[in-house]
Amino acid sequence: MNTDNLEWLQRWYRAHCNGDWEHQHGISVETLDNPGWQLTIDLAGTELQRREFKELKVERTGDDWVWCRILGNPDAPTFDGHCGALNLIEVIEIFRSWAQE
């Protein structure tokens, strides 16, 4: 890969900005209190809107974990990734791998 995962995510977002999508949808990154991260990506109006994603849970330790799934209904799904404080890039990679399938 010649771009890192964060750069790839930025480009994915930019590719979906069409003057309309970005006003109703987007990407959010928030912190969790356990500590950790939540990555939420709106999929409505994208090529991923109806693509199947198998829920993924990995619990290595109390600090090293990821949980990714699709939430919402088929008309307004979101990719929802929760993870430990040092696993945000891993969650982005999981989204990237799925999106590029």
Protein backbone atom coordinates (compact mmCIF):
# COMPACT_ATOMS: atom_id res chain seq x y z
CA MET A 1 0.00 0.00 0.00
CA ASN A 2 1.33 3.39 -0.89
CA THR A 3 -1.06 5.41 1.31
CA ASP A 4 -1.60 4.96 4.99
CA ASN A 5 -5.03 4.17 6.36
CA LEU A 6 -5.85 7.67 7.59
CA GLU A 7 -4.96 9.18 4.23
CA TRP A 8 -7.06 6.50 2.52
CA LEU A 9 -10.04 7.33 4.78
CA GLN A 10 -9.70 11.02 3.93
CA ARG A 11 -9.73 10.18 0.23
CA TRP A 12 -12.75 7.86 0.67
CA TYR A 13 -14.63 10.68 2.40
CA ARG A 14 -13.66 13.22 -0.25
CA ALA A 15 -14.72 10.85 -3.06
CA HIS A 16 -18.24 10.71 -1.57
CA CYS A 17 -18.65 14.46 -1.13
CA ASN A 18 -20.91 15.44 -3.99
CA GLY A 19 -22.52 18.62 -2.74
CA ASP A 20 -25.31 16.67 -1.04
CA TRP A 21 -23.98 13.56 0.76
CA GLU A 22 -21.66 15.48 3.09
CA HIS A 23 -24.53 17.68 4.32
CA GLN A 24 -26.47 14.69 5.62
CA HIS A 25 -23.77 12.07 6.19
CA GLY A 26 -20.15 11.78 7.19
CA ILE A 27 -17.56 10.28 9.47
CA SER A 28 -17.14 10.83 13.18
CA VAL A 29 -14.36 9.85 15.55
CA GLU A 30 -15.10 10.03 19.26
CA THR A 31 -13.41 8.92 22.43
CA LEU A 32 -14.82 6.28 24.79
CA ASP A 33 -14.44 6.39 28.55
CA ASN A 34 -12.91 2.95 28.97
CA PRO A 35 -10.56 4.44 27.27
CA GLY A 36 -10.92 3.88 23.57
CA TRP A 37 -12.33 5.12 20.28
CA GLN A 38 -15.55 4.98 18.30
CA LEU A 39 -15.41 5.38 14.52
CA THR A 40 -18.80 5.89 12.83
CA ILE A 41 -19.07 6.07 9.05
CA ASP A 42 -22.38 6.76 7.32
CA LEU A 43 -22.85 4.36 4.44
CA ALA A 44 -26.17 5.66 3.03
CA GLY A 45 -25.73 6.78 -0.54
CA THR A 46 -22.42 4.95 -0.98
CA GLU A 47 -21.46 1.76 -2.79
CA LEU A 48 -21.28 0.09 0.64
CA GLN A 49 -24.87 0.82 1.67
CA ARG A 50 -26.13 -2.72 1.16
CA ARG A 51 -22.88 -4.68 1.34
CA GLU A 52 -22.79 -7.39 3.97
CA PHE A 53 -20.29 -7.05 6.81
CA LYS A 54 -19.73 -9.83 9.28
CA GLU A 55 -19.46 -8.48 12.81
CA LEU A 56 -15.90 -8.69 14.09
CA LYS A 57 -14.87 -8.89 17.75
CA VAL A 58 -11.26 -9.27 18.80
CA GLU A 59 -10.34 -9.14 22.49
CA ARG A 60 -6.61 -9.56 22.97
CA THR A 61 -6.40 -7.80 26.36
CA GLY A 62 -8.45 -5.27 28.29
CA ASP A 63 -6.63 -2.48 26.42
CA ASP A 64 -6.14 -4.18 23.03
CA TRP A 65 -9.49 -4.90 21.38
CA VAL A 66 -11.72 -4.06 18.42
CA TRP A 67 -15.44 -4.48 17.73
CA CYS A 68 -16.77 -3.60 14.28
CA ARG A 69 -20.30 -4.00 12.95
CA ILE A 70 -22.97 -2.40 10.79
CA LEU A 71 -25.78 -0.61 12.61
CA GLY A 72 -29.03 0.92 11.41
CA ASN A 73 -31.45 -0.13 8.73
CA PRO A 74 -30.65 -0.87 5.06
CA ASP A 75 -31.59 2.68 4.06
CA ALA A 76 -29.33 4.35 6.63
CA PRO A 77 -26.58 1.96 7.74
CA THR A 78 -23.41 2.96 9.54
CA PHE A 79 -20.10 1.22 10.00
CA ASP A 80 -19.55 1.25 13.75
CA GLY A 81 -16.08 0.51 15.09
CA HIS A 82 -15.20 0.55 18.78
CA CYS A 83 -11.67 -0.16 19.96
CA GLY A 84 -9.01 0.28 22.58
CA ALA A 85 -7.02 3.51 22.88
CA LEU A 86 -4.25 2.24 20.57
CA ASN A 87 -6.42 0.44 18.00
CA LEU A 88 -7.98 3.26 15.96
CA ILE A 89 -5.74 2.69 12.95
CA GLU A 90 -6.63 -1.02 13.09
CA VAL A 91 -10.35 -0.18 12.90
CA ILE A 92 -9.72 2.10 9.93
CA GLU A 93 -7.80 -0.76 8.29
CA ILE A 94 -10.74 -3.11 8.89
CA PHE A 95 -13.09 -0.62 7.23
CA ARG A 96 -10.64 -0.10 4.37
CA SER A 97 -10.19 -3.83 3.73
CA TRP A 98 -13.96 -4.35 3.67
CA ALA A 99 -14.57 -1.31 1.45
CA GLN A 100 -11.96 -2.46 -1.06
CA GLU A 101 -13.23 -6.06 -1.35
